[in-house]
PDB file of all heavy atoms in Angstrom:
ATOM      1  N   LEU A   1      91.904  69.870 140.599  1.00  0.00           N
ATOM      2  CA  LEU A   1      90.682  70.024 139.818  1.00  0.00           C
ATOM      3  C   LEU A   1      89.680  70.933 140.517  1.00  0.00           C
ATOM      4  O   LEU A   1      89.450  70.799 141.721  1.00  0.00           O
ATOM      5  CB  LEU A   1      90.066  68.647 139.561  1.00  0.00           C
ATOM      6  CG  LEU A   1      91.028  67.660 138.887  1.00  0.00           C
ATOM      7  CD1 LEU A   1      90.413  66.284 138.823  1.00  0.00           C
ATOM      8  CD2 LEU A   1      91.412  68.145 137.506  1.00  0.00           C
ATOM      9  N   ASN A   2      89.119  71.823 139.754  1.00  0.00           N
ATOM     10  CA  ASN A   2      88.152  72.792 140.258  1.00  0.00           C
ATOM     11  C   ASN A   2      86.748  72.305 139.899  1.00  0.00           C
ATOM     12  O   ASN A   2      86.310  72.451 138.765  1.00  0.00           O
ATOM     13  CB  ASN A   2      88.450  74.153 139.621  1.00  0.00           C
ATOM     14  CG  ASN A   2      87.563  75.255 140.131  1.00  0.00           C
ATOM     15  OD1 ASN A   2      86.663  75.029 140.928  1.00  0.00           O
ATOM     16  ND2 ASN A   2      87.804  76.466 139.655  1.00  0.00           N
ATOM     17  N   VAL A   3      86.062  71.720 140.859  1.00  0.00           N
ATOM     18  CA  VAL A   3      84.735  71.131 140.639  1.00  0.00           C
ATOM     19  C   VAL A   3      83.673  72.103 141.149  1.00  0.00           C
ATOM     20  O   VAL A   3      83.813  72.659 142.243  1.00  0.00           O
ATOM     21  CB  VAL A   3      84.618  69.770 141.364  1.00  0.00           C
ATOM     22  CG1 VAL A   3      83.238  69.177 141.189  1.00  0.00           C
ATOM     23  CG2 VAL A   3      85.692  68.818 140.871  1.00  0.00           C
ATOM     24  N   ARG A   4      82.628  72.294 140.350  1.00  0.00           N
ATOM     25  CA  ARG A   4      81.542  73.180 140.758  1.00  0.00           C
ATOM     26  C   ARG A   4      80.850  72.646 142.006  1.00  0.00           C
ATOM     27  O   ARG A   4      80.618  71.441 142.131  1.00  0.00           O
ATOM     28  CB  ARG A   4      80.498  73.296 139.651  1.00  0.00           C
ATOM     29  CG  ARG A   4      80.923  74.169 138.533  1.00  0.00           C
ATOM     30  CD  ARG A   4      79.778  74.427 137.603  1.00  0.00           C
ATOM     31  NE  ARG A   4      80.210  75.386 136.613  1.00  0.00           N
ATOM     32  CZ  ARG A   4      79.508  75.715 135.564  1.00  0.00           C
ATOM     33  NH1 ARG A   4      78.330  75.152 135.351  1.00  0.00           N
ATOM     34  NH2 ARG A   4      79.973  76.592 134.711  1.00  0.00           N
ATOM     35  N   GLU A   5      80.513  73.566 142.887  1.00  0.00           N
ATOM     36  CA  GLU A   5      79.796  73.197 144.107  1.00  0.00           C
ATOM     37  C   GLU A   5      78.481  72.519 143.737  1.00  0.00           C
ATOM     38  O   GLU A   5      77.757  72.969 142.851  1.00  0.00           O
ATOM     39  CB  GLU A   5      79.540  74.443 144.952  1.00  0.00           C
ATOM     40  CG  GLU A   5      79.016  74.121 146.331  1.00  0.00           C
ATOM     41  CD  GLU A   5      78.926  75.337 147.230  1.00  0.00           C
ATOM     42  OE1 GLU A   5      79.700  76.298 147.036  1.00  0.00           O
ATOM     43  OE2 GLU A   5      78.060  75.310 148.122  1.00  0.00           O
ATOM     44  N   GLY A   6      78.197  71.423 144.409  1.00  0.00           N
ATOM     45  CA  GLY A   6      76.976  70.669 144.163  1.00  0.00           C
ATOM     46  C   GLY A   6      77.105  69.625 143.068  1.00  0.00           C
ATOM     47  O   GLY A   6      76.181  68.850 142.838  1.00  0.00           O
ATOM     48  N   LYS A   7      78.244  69.581 142.393  1.00  0.00           N
ATOM     49  CA  LYS A   7      78.467  68.637 141.295  1.00  0.00           C
ATOM     50  C   LYS A   7      79.466  67.532 141.662  1.00  0.00           C
ATOM     51  O   LYS A   7      79.891  66.759 140.815  1.00  0.00           O
ATOM     52  CB  LYS A   7      78.983  69.382 140.049  1.00  0.00           C
ATOM     53  CG  LYS A   7      78.017  70.403 139.505  1.00  0.00           C
ATOM     54  CD  LYS A   7      76.788  69.734 138.942  1.00  0.00           C
ATOM     55  CE  LYS A   7      75.859  70.739 138.278  1.00  0.00           C
ATOM     56  NZ  LYS A   7      74.698  70.083 137.685  1.00  0.00           N
ATOM     57  N   GLU A   8      79.817  67.463 142.930  1.00  0.00           N
ATOM     58  CA  GLU A   8      80.853  66.535 143.371  1.00  0.00           C
ATOM     59  C   GLU A   8      80.530  65.071 143.064  1.00  0.00           C
ATOM     60  O   GLU A   8      81.390  64.332 142.588  1.00  0.00           O
ATOM     61  CB  GLU A   8      81.123  66.713 144.879  1.00  0.00           C
ATOM     62  CG  GLU A   8      81.681  68.064 145.248  1.00  0.00           C
ATOM     63  CD  GLU A   8      80.626  69.139 145.481  1.00  0.00           C
ATOM     64  OE1 GLU A   8      79.404  68.862 145.333  1.00  0.00           O
ATOM     65  OE2 GLU A   8      81.016  70.274 145.821  1.00  0.00           O
ATOM     66  N   GLN A   9      79.302  64.650 143.349  1.00  0.00           N
ATOM     67  CA  GLN A   9      78.919  63.249 143.115  1.00  0.00           C
ATOM     68  C   GLN A   9      79.035  62.886 141.636  1.00  0.00           C
ATOM     69  O   GLN A   9      79.574  61.841 141.283  1.00  0.00           O
ATOM     70  CB  GLN A   9      77.490  62.996 143.598  1.00  0.00           C
ATOM     71  CG  GLN A   9      77.323  63.050 145.100  1.00  0.00           C
ATOM     72  CD  GLN A   9      77.825  61.793 145.763  1.00  0.00           C
ATOM     73  OE1 GLN A   9      78.693  61.870 146.609  1.00  0.00           O
ATOM     74  NE2 GLN A   9      77.301  60.652 145.419  1.00  0.00           N
ATOM     75  N   GLU A  10      78.502  63.747 140.774  1.00  0.00           N
ATOM     76  CA  GLU A  10      78.576  63.500 139.334  1.00  0.00           C
ATOM     77  C   GLU A  10      80.027  63.467 138.861  1.00  0.00           C
ATOM     78  O   GLU A  10      80.416  62.610 138.069  1.00  0.00           O
ATOM     79  CB  GLU A  10      77.822  64.583 138.556  1.00  0.00           C
ATOM     80  CG  GLU A  10      76.325  64.538 138.712  1.00  0.00           C
ATOM     81  CD  GLU A  10      75.678  65.711 137.998  1.00  0.00           C
ATOM     82  OE1 GLU A  10      75.694  65.728 136.751  1.00  0.00           O
ATOM     83  OE2 GLU A  10      75.190  66.618 138.703  1.00  0.00           O
ATOM     84  N   PHE A  11      80.810  64.429 139.344  1.00  0.00           N
ATOM     85  CA  PHE A  11      82.220  64.495 138.983  1.00  0.00           C
ATOM     86  C   PHE A  11      82.936  63.209 139.370  1.00  0.00           C
ATOM     87  O   PHE A  11      83.683  62.640 138.574  1.00  0.00           O
ATOM     88  CB  PHE A  11      82.893  65.700 139.649  1.00  0.00           C
ATOM     89  CG  PHE A  11      84.383  65.621 139.611  1.00  0.00           C
ATOM     90  CD1 PHE A  11      85.080  65.921 138.459  1.00  0.00           C
ATOM     91  CD2 PHE A  11      85.101  65.200 140.726  1.00  0.00           C
ATOM     92  CE1 PHE A  11      86.460  65.822 138.411  1.00  0.00           C
ATOM     93  CE2 PHE A  11      86.471  65.102 140.690  1.00  0.00           C
ATOM     94  CZ  PHE A  11      87.159  65.415 139.529  1.00  0.00           C
ATOM     95  N   GLU A  12      82.725  62.752 140.604  1.00  0.00           N
ATOM     96  CA  GLU A  12      83.402  61.535 141.059  1.00  0.00           C
ATOM     97  C   GLU A  12      83.051  60.347 140.177  1.00  0.00           C
ATOM     98  O   GLU A  12      83.920  59.537 139.852  1.00  0.00           O
ATOM     99  CB  GLU A  12      83.053  61.238 142.519  1.00  0.00           C
ATOM    100  CG  GLU A  12      83.742  62.175 143.489  1.00  0.00           C
ATOM    101  CD  GLU A  12      83.455  61.844 144.946  1.00  0.00           C
ATOM    102  OE1 GLU A  12      82.999  60.710 145.251  1.00  0.00           O
ATOM    103  OE2 GLU A  12      83.694  62.729 145.799  1.00  0.00           O
ATOM    104  N   GLY A  13      81.804  60.229 139.768  1.00  0.00           N
ATOM    105  CA  GLY A  13      81.406  59.129 138.898  1.00  0.00           C
ATOM    106  C   GLY A  13      82.151  59.149 137.573  1.00  0.00           C
ATOM    107  O   GLY A  13      82.683  58.125 137.127  1.00  0.00           O
ATOM    108  N   VAL A  14      82.207  60.314 136.945  1.00  0.00           N
ATOM    109  CA  VAL A  14      82.907  60.440 135.655  1.00  0.00           C
ATOM    110  C   VAL A  14      84.400  60.208 135.836  1.00  0.00           C
ATOM    111  O   VAL A  14      85.037  59.484 135.064  1.00  0.00           O
ATOM    112  CB  VAL A  14      82.632  61.825 135.028  1.00  0.00           C
ATOM    113  CG1 VAL A  14      83.464  62.035 133.769  1.00  0.00           C
ATOM    114  CG2 VAL A  14      81.152  61.993 134.712  1.00  0.00           C
ATOM    115  N   MET A  15      84.977  60.800 136.875  1.00  0.00           N
ATOM    116  CA  MET A  15      86.420  60.703 137.091  1.00  0.00           C
ATOM    117  C   MET A  15      86.838  59.282 137.450  1.00  0.00           C
ATOM    118  O   MET A  15      87.868  58.797 136.971  1.00  0.00           O
ATOM    119  CB  MET A  15      86.829  61.680 138.203  1.00  0.00           C
ATOM    120  CG  MET A  15      88.305  61.870 138.367  1.00  0.00           C
ATOM    121  SD  MET A  15      89.053  62.657 136.928  1.00  0.00           S
ATOM    122  CE  MET A  15      90.413  61.545 136.702  1.00  0.00           C
ATOM    123  N   LEU A  16      86.056  58.604 138.271  1.00  0.00           N
ATOM    124  CA  LEU A  16      86.408  57.235 138.650  1.00  0.00           C
ATOM    125  C   LEU A  16      86.281  56.276 137.467  1.00  0.00           C
ATOM    126  O   LEU A  16      87.060  55.326 137.354  1.00  0.00           O
ATOM    127  CB  LEU A  16      85.559  56.771 139.836  1.00  0.00           C
ATOM    128  CG  LEU A  16      85.876  57.492 141.156  1.00  0.00           C
ATOM    129  CD1 LEU A  16      84.882  57.087 142.232  1.00  0.00           C
ATOM    130  CD2 LEU A  16      87.307  57.249 141.595  1.00  0.00           C
ATOM    131  N   ASP A  17      85.333  56.543 136.574  1.00  0.00           N
ATOM    132  CA  ASP A  17      85.219  55.751 135.354  1.00  0.00           C
ATOM    133  C   ASP A  17      86.466  55.944 134.481  1.00  0.00           C
ATOM    134  O   ASP A  17      87.037  54.975 133.980  1.00  0.00           O
ATOM    135  CB  ASP A  17      83.959  56.136 134.585  1.00  0.00           C
ATOM    136  CG  ASP A  17      83.800  55.336 133.306  1.00  0.00           C
ATOM    137  OD1 ASP A  17      83.652  54.094 133.395  1.00  0.00           O
ATOM    138  OD2 ASP A  17      83.832  55.939 132.218  1.00  0.00           O
ATOM    139  N   LEU A  18      86.883  57.196 134.330  1.00  0.00           N
ATOM    140  CA  LEU A  18      88.098  57.472 133.561  1.00  0.00           C
ATOM    141  C   LEU A  18      89.302  56.802 134.214  1.00  0.00           C
ATOM    142  O   LEU A  18      90.113  56.166 133.530  1.00  0.00           O
ATOM    143  CB  LEU A  18      88.334  58.976 133.437  1.00  0.00           C
ATOM    144  CG  LEU A  18      89.666  59.387 132.803  1.00  0.00           C
ATOM    145  CD1 LEU A  18      89.806  58.825 131.387  1.00  0.00           C
ATOM    146  CD2 LEU A  18      89.812  60.902 132.821  1.00  0.00           C
ATOM    147  N   ALA A  19      89.444  56.920 135.519  1.00  0.00           N
ATOM    148  CA  ALA A  19      90.587  56.324 136.219  1.00  0.00           C
ATOM    149  C   ALA A  19      90.639  54.817 136.007  1.00  0.00           C
ATOM    150  O   ALA A  19      91.717  54.254 135.790  1.00  0.00           O
ATOM    151  CB  ALA A  19      90.528  56.661 137.707  1.00  0.00           C
ATOM    152  N   ALA A  20      89.492  54.155 136.044  1.00  0.00           N
ATOM    153  CA  ALA A  20      89.448  52.702 135.822  1.00  0.00           C
ATOM    154  C   ALA A  20      89.949  52.366 134.415  1.00  0.00           C
ATOM    155  O   ALA A  20      90.704  51.399 134.227  1.00  0.00           O
ATOM    156  CB  ALA A  20      88.041  52.172 136.030  1.00  0.00           C
ATOM    157  N   LYS A  21      89.556  53.158 133.434  1.00  0.00           N
ATOM    158  CA  LYS A  21      89.996  52.916 132.053  1.00  0.00           C
ATOM    159  C   LYS A  21      91.479  53.182 131.881  1.00  0.00           C
ATOM    160  O   LYS A  21      92.179  52.444 131.187  1.00  0.00           O
ATOM    161  CB  LYS A  21      89.161  53.760 131.094  1.00  0.00           C
ATOM    162  CG  LYS A  21      87.729  53.272 131.014  1.00  0.00           C
ATOM    163  CD  LYS A  21      86.850  54.180 130.185  1.00  0.00           C
ATOM    164  CE  LYS A  21      85.429  53.626 130.155  1.00  0.00           C
ATOM    165  NZ  LYS A  21      84.469  54.571 129.621  1.00  0.00           N
ATOM    166  N   VAL A  22      91.970  54.244 132.505  1.00  0.00           N
ATOM    167  CA  VAL A  22      93.405  54.538 132.445  1.00  0.00           C
ATOM    168  C   VAL A  22      94.191  53.386 133.067  1.00  0.00           C
ATOM    169  O   VAL A  22      95.144  52.872 132.472  1.00  0.00           O
ATOM    170  CB  VAL A  22      93.738  55.868 133.156  1.00  0.00           C
ATOM    171  CG1 VAL A  22      95.243  56.043 133.324  1.00  0.00           C
ATOM    172  CG2 VAL A  22      93.133  57.047 132.398  1.00  0.00           C
ATOM    173  N   ASN A  23      93.793  52.968 134.251  1.00  0.00           N
ATOM    174  CA  ASN A  23      94.519  51.910 134.955  1.00  0.00           C
ATOM    175  C   ASN A  23      94.461  50.571 134.224  1.00  0.00           C
ATOM    176  O   ASN A  23      95.406  49.790 134.298  1.00  0.00           O
ATOM    177  CB  ASN A  23      94.010  51.787 136.392  1.00  0.00           C
ATOM    178  CG  ASN A  23      94.434  52.970 137.242  1.00  0.00           C
ATOM    179  OD1 ASN A  23      95.576  53.388 137.225  1.00  0.00           O
ATOM    180  ND2 ASN A  23      93.494  53.535 137.976  1.00  0.00           N
ATOM    181  N   ALA A  24      93.396  50.311 133.493  1.00  0.00           N
ATOM    182  CA  ALA A  24      93.245  49.041 132.767  1.00  0.00           C
ATOM    183  C   ALA A  24      93.928  49.040 131.399  1.00  0.00           C
ATOM    184  O   ALA A  24      94.296  47.979 130.905  1.00  0.00           O
ATOM    185  CB  ALA A  24      91.765  48.726 132.586  1.00  0.00           C
ATOM    186  N   ASN A  25      94.107  50.224 130.810  1.00  0.00           N
ATOM    187  CA  ASN A  25      94.530  50.277 129.411  1.00  0.00           C
ATOM    188  C   ASN A  25      95.834  51.016 129.124  1.00  0.00           C
ATOM    189  O   ASN A  25      96.231  51.101 127.965  1.00  0.00           O
ATOM    190  CB  ASN A  25      93.417  50.933 128.575  1.00  0.00           C
ATOM    191  CG  ASN A  25      92.158  50.111 128.585  1.00  0.00           C
ATOM    192  OD1 ASN A  25      92.127  49.000 128.085  1.00  0.00           O
ATOM    193  ND2 ASN A  25      91.099  50.660 129.170  1.00  0.00           N
ATOM    194  N   GLU A  26      96.477  51.553 130.141  1.00  0.00           N
ATOM    195  CA  GLU A  26      97.694  52.319 129.906  1.00  0.00           C
ATOM    196  C   GLU A  26      98.854  51.728 130.717  1.00  0.00           C
ATOM    197  O   GLU A  26      99.106  52.138 131.845  1.00  0.00           O
ATOM    198  CB  GLU A  26      97.478  53.786 130.280  1.00  0.00           C
ATOM    199  CG  GLU A  26      96.449  54.489 129.428  1.00  0.00           C
ATOM    200  CD  GLU A  26      96.319  55.964 129.746  1.00  0.00           C
ATOM    201  OE1 GLU A  26      97.313  56.598 130.161  1.00  0.00           O
ATOM    202  OE2 GLU A  26      95.205  56.496 129.584  1.00  0.00           O
ATOM    203  N   PRO A  27      99.575  50.779 130.122  1.00  0.00           N
ATOM    204  CA  PRO A  27     100.664  50.141 130.862  1.00  0.00           C
ATOM    205  C   PRO A  27     101.795  51.102 131.259  1.00  0.00           C
ATOM    206  O   PRO A  27     102.501  50.840 132.225  1.00  0.00           O
ATOM    207  CB  PRO A  27     101.172  49.063 129.905  1.00  0.00           C
ATOM    208  CG  PRO A  27     100.681  49.461 128.563  1.00  0.00           C
ATOM    209  CD  PRO A  27      99.423  50.240 128.773  1.00  0.00           C
ATOM    210  N   GLY A  28     101.933  52.220 130.558  1.00  0.00           N
ATOM    211  CA  GLY A  28     102.967  53.194 130.901  1.00  0.00           C
ATOM    212  C   GLY A  28     102.565  54.137 132.016  1.00  0.00           C
ATOM    213  O   GLY A  28     103.365  54.955 132.463  1.00  0.00           O
ATOM    214  N   CYS A  29     101.319  54.018 132.480  1.00  0.00           N
ATOM    215  CA  CYS A  29     100.840  54.831 133.599  1.00  0.00           C
ATOM    216  C   CYS A  29     100.868  53.953 134.847  1.00  0.00           C
ATOM    217  O   CYS A  29     100.117  52.991 134.956  1.00  0.00           O
ATOM    218  CB  CYS A  29      99.427  55.350 133.328  1.00  0.00           C
ATOM    219  SG  CYS A  29      98.789  56.385 134.659  1.00  0.00           S
ATOM    220  N   HIS A  30     101.731  54.288 135.783  1.00  0.00           N
ATOM    221  CA  HIS A  30     101.911  53.479 136.991  1.00  0.00           C
ATOM    222  C   HIS A  30     100.976  53.896 138.132  1.00  0.00           C
ATOM    223  O   HIS A  30     100.771  53.131 139.070  1.00  0.00           O
ATOM    224  CB  HIS A  30     103.360  53.554 137.454  1.00  0.00           C
ATOM    225  CG  HIS A  30     104.315  53.029 136.441  1.00  0.00           C
ATOM    226  ND1 HIS A  30     104.409  51.695 136.118  1.00  0.00           N
ATOM    227  CD2 HIS A  30     105.215  53.666 135.641  1.00  0.00           C
ATOM    228  CE1 HIS A  30     105.328  51.517 135.189  1.00  0.00           C
ATOM    229  NE2 HIS A  30     105.817  52.703 134.873  1.00  0.00           N
ATOM    230  N   LEU A  31     100.438  55.108 138.051  1.00  0.00           N
ATOM    231  CA  LEU A  31      99.523  55.582 139.101  1.00  0.00           C
ATOM    232  C   LEU A  31      98.588  56.610 138.488  1.00  0.00           C
ATOM    233  O   LEU A  31      99.038  57.532 137.796  1.00  0.00           O
ATOM    234  CB  LEU A  31     100.298  56.238 140.249  1.00  0.00           C
ATOM    235  CG  LEU A  31      99.456  56.826 141.389  1.00  0.00           C
ATOM    236  CD1 LEU A  31      98.837  55.724 142.228  1.00  0.00           C
ATOM    237  CD2 LEU A  31     100.298  57.742 142.261  1.00  0.00           C
ATOM    238  N   TYR A  32      97.308  56.441 138.724  1.00  0.00           N
ATOM    239  CA  TYR A  32      96.299  57.414 138.286  1.00  0.00           C
ATOM    240  C   TYR A  32      95.163  57.314 139.285  1.00  0.00           C
ATOM    241  O   TYR A  32      94.304  56.438 139.200  1.00  0.00           O
ATOM    242  CB  TYR A  32      95.811  57.088 136.870  1.00  0.00           C
ATOM    243  CG  TYR A  32      95.087  58.236 136.205  1.00  0.00           C
ATOM    244  CD1 TYR A  32      95.781  59.213 135.505  1.00  0.00           C
ATOM    245  CD2 TYR A  32      93.702  58.342 136.277  1.00  0.00           C
ATOM    246  CE1 TYR A  32      95.126  60.263 134.884  1.00  0.00           C
ATOM    247  CE2 TYR A  32      93.029  59.384 135.665  1.00  0.00           C
ATOM    248  CZ  TYR A  32      93.747  60.341 134.967  1.00  0.00           C
ATOM    249  OH  TYR A  32      93.086  61.382 134.344  1.00  0.00           O
ATOM    250  N   LYS A  33      95.196  58.170 140.301  1.00  0.00           N
ATOM    251  CA  LYS A  33      94.249  58.072 141.415  1.00  0.00           C
ATOM    252  C   LYS A  33      93.619  59.421 141.725  1.00  0.00           C
ATOM    253  O   LYS A  33      94.304  60.433 141.829  1.00  0.00           O
ATOM    254  CB  LYS A  33      94.947  57.579 142.684  1.00  0.00           C
ATOM    255  CG  LYS A  33      95.490  56.171 142.596  1.00  0.00           C
ATOM    256  CD  LYS A  33      94.379  55.165 142.566  1.00  0.00           C
ATOM    257  CE  LYS A  33      94.928  53.752 142.525  1.00  0.00           C
ATOM    258  NZ  LYS A  33      93.883  52.758 142.375  1.00  0.00           N
ATOM    259  N   LEU A  34      92.300  59.403 141.899  1.00  0.00           N
ATOM    260  CA  LEU A  34      91.568  60.576 142.349  1.00  0.00           C
ATOM    261  C   LEU A  34      91.671  60.639 143.867  1.00  0.00           C
ATOM    262  O   LEU A  34      91.420  59.650 144.559  1.00  0.00           O
ATOM    263  CB  LEU A  34      90.100  60.481 141.923  1.00  0.00           C
ATOM    264  CG  LEU A  34      89.192  61.620 142.398  1.00  0.00           C
ATOM    265  CD1 LEU A  34      89.633  62.953 141.805  1.00  0.00           C
ATOM    266  CD2 LEU A  34      87.738  61.315 142.054  1.00  0.00           C
ATOM    267  N   CYS A  35      92.022  61.804 144.375  1.00  0.00           N
ATOM    268  CA  CYS A  35      92.142  62.019 145.821  1.00  0.00           C
ATOM    269  C   CYS A  35      91.325  63.249 146.205  1.00  0.00           C
ATOM    270  O   CYS A  35      91.164  64.170 145.414  1.00  0.00           O
ATOM    271  CB  CYS A  35      93.606  62.243 146.204  1.00  0.00           C
ATOM    272  SG  CYS A  35      94.701  60.905 145.723  1.00  0.00           S
ATOM    273  N   LYS A  36      90.827  63.235 147.433  1.00  0.00           N
ATOM    274  CA  LYS A  36      90.006  64.335 147.946  1.00  0.00           C
ATOM    275  C   LYS A  36      90.563  64.750 149.295  1.00  0.00           C
ATOM    276  O   LYS A  36      90.759  63.912 150.178  1.00  0.00           O
ATOM    277  CB  LYS A  36      88.555  63.857 148.079  1.00  0.00           C
ATOM    278  CG  LYS A  36      87.567  64.919 148.461  1.00  0.00           C
ATOM    279  CD  LYS A  36      86.172  64.304 148.447  1.00  0.00           C
ATOM    280  CE  LYS A  36      85.116  65.294 148.823  1.00  0.00           C
ATOM    281  NZ  LYS A  36      83.772  64.673 148.812  1.00  0.00           N
ATOM    282  N   ASP A  37      90.812  66.059 149.468  1.00  0.00           N
ATOM    283  CA  ASP A  37      91.359  66.524 150.742  1.00  0.00           C
ATOM    284  C   ASP A  37      90.234  66.808 151.741  1.00  0.00           C
ATOM    285  O   ASP A  37      89.045  66.716 151.408  1.00  0.00           O
ATOM    286  CB  ASP A  37      92.293  67.726 150.545  1.00  0.00           C
ATOM    287  CG  ASP A  37      91.578  68.985 150.054  1.00  0.00           C
ATOM    288  OD1 ASP A  37      90.376  69.166 150.326  1.00  0.00           O
ATOM    289  OD2 ASP A  37      92.251  69.812 149.398  1.00  0.00           O
ATOM    290  N   SER A  38      90.596  67.141 152.959  1.00  0.00           N
ATOM    291  CA  SER A  38      89.613  67.336 154.031  1.00  0.00           C
ATOM    292  C   SER A  38      88.687  68.522 153.774  1.00  0.00           C
ATOM    293  O   SER A  38      87.606  68.595 154.345  1.00  0.00           O
ATOM    294  CB  SER A  38      90.316  67.502 155.378  1.00  0.00           C
ATOM    295  OG  SER A  38      91.161  68.642 155.348  1.00  0.00           O
ATOM    296  N   GLY A  39      89.093  69.430 152.894  1.00  0.00           N
ATOM    297  CA  GLY A  39      88.264  70.582 152.556  1.00  0.00           C
ATOM    298  C   GLY A  39      87.368  70.342 151.350  1.00  0.00           C
ATOM    299  O   GLY A  39      86.650  71.240 150.916  1.00  0.00           O
ATOM    300  N   GLY A  40      87.412  69.138 150.789  1.00  0.00           N
ATOM    301  CA  GLY A  40      86.579  68.812 149.639  1.00  0.00           C
ATOM    302  C   GLY A  40      87.228  69.070 148.297  1.00  0.00           C
ATOM    303  O   GLY A  40      86.581  68.934 147.266  1.00  0.00           O
ATOM    304  N   GLY A  41      88.511  69.454 148.290  1.00  0.00           N
ATOM    305  CA  GLY A  41      89.224  69.701 147.037  1.00  0.00           C
ATOM    306  C   GLY A  41      89.715  68.400 146.423  1.00  0.00           C
ATOM    307  O   GLY A  41      90.037  67.449 147.137  1.00  0.00           O
ATOM    308  N   TYR A  42      89.754  68.360 145.097  1.00  0.00           N
ATOM    309  CA  TYR A  42      90.164  67.155 144.376  1.00  0.00           C
ATOM    310  C   TYR A  42      91.495  67.340 143.674  1.00  0.00           C
ATOM    311  O   TYR A  42      91.766  68.401 143.115  1.00  0.00           O
ATOM    312  CB  TYR A  42      89.129  66.805 143.305  1.00  0.00           C
ATOM    313  CG  TYR A  42      87.806  66.353 143.845  1.00  0.00           C
ATOM    314  CD1 TYR A  42      86.763  67.254 143.993  1.00  0.00           C
ATOM    315  CD2 TYR A  42      87.593  65.022 144.194  1.00  0.00           C
ATOM    316  CE1 TYR A  42      85.531  66.842 144.468  1.00  0.00           C
ATOM    317  CE2 TYR A  42      86.363  64.604 144.680  1.00  0.00           C
ATOM    318  CZ  TYR A  42      85.334  65.522 144.814  1.00  0.00           C
ATOM    319  OH  TYR A  42      84.128  65.113 145.285  1.00  0.00           O
ATOM    320  N   VAL A  43      92.302  66.286 143.694  1.00  0.00           N
ATOM    321  CA  VAL A  43      93.505  66.208 142.873  1.00  0.00           C
ATOM    322  C   VAL A  43      93.574  64.815 142.262  1.00  0.00           C
ATOM    323  O   VAL A  43      93.044  63.855 142.820  1.00  0.00           O
ATOM    324  CB  VAL A  43      94.819  66.498 143.648  1.00  0.00           C
ATOM    325  CG1 VAL A  43      94.839  67.905 144.218  1.00  0.00           C
ATOM    326  CG2 VAL A  43      95.076  65.477 144.714  1.00  0.00           C
ATOM    327  N   VAL A  44      94.199  64.747 141.104  1.00  0.00           N
ATOM    328  CA  VAL A  44      94.536  63.458 140.511  1.00  0.00           C
ATOM    329  C   VAL A  44      96.043  63.336 140.599  1.00  0.00           C
ATOM    330  O   VAL A  44      96.780  64.234 140.170  1.00  0.00           O
ATOM    331  CB  VAL A  44      94.055  63.340 139.046  1.00  0.00           C
ATOM    332  CG1 VAL A  44      94.510  62.023 138.446  1.00  0.00           C
ATOM    333  CG2 VAL A  44      92.545  63.456 138.977  1.00  0.00           C
TER     334      VAL A  44
END
């Protein structure tokens, strides 16, 4: 995911909310996790 500089906090809030909904409501999804690398890059 390509997140605009300075928008990381807002992005994490929206993404973590989505991840919680995916994990609670999608039994066919076994893993849905937001990860952040040491350089500040995000992947799901």
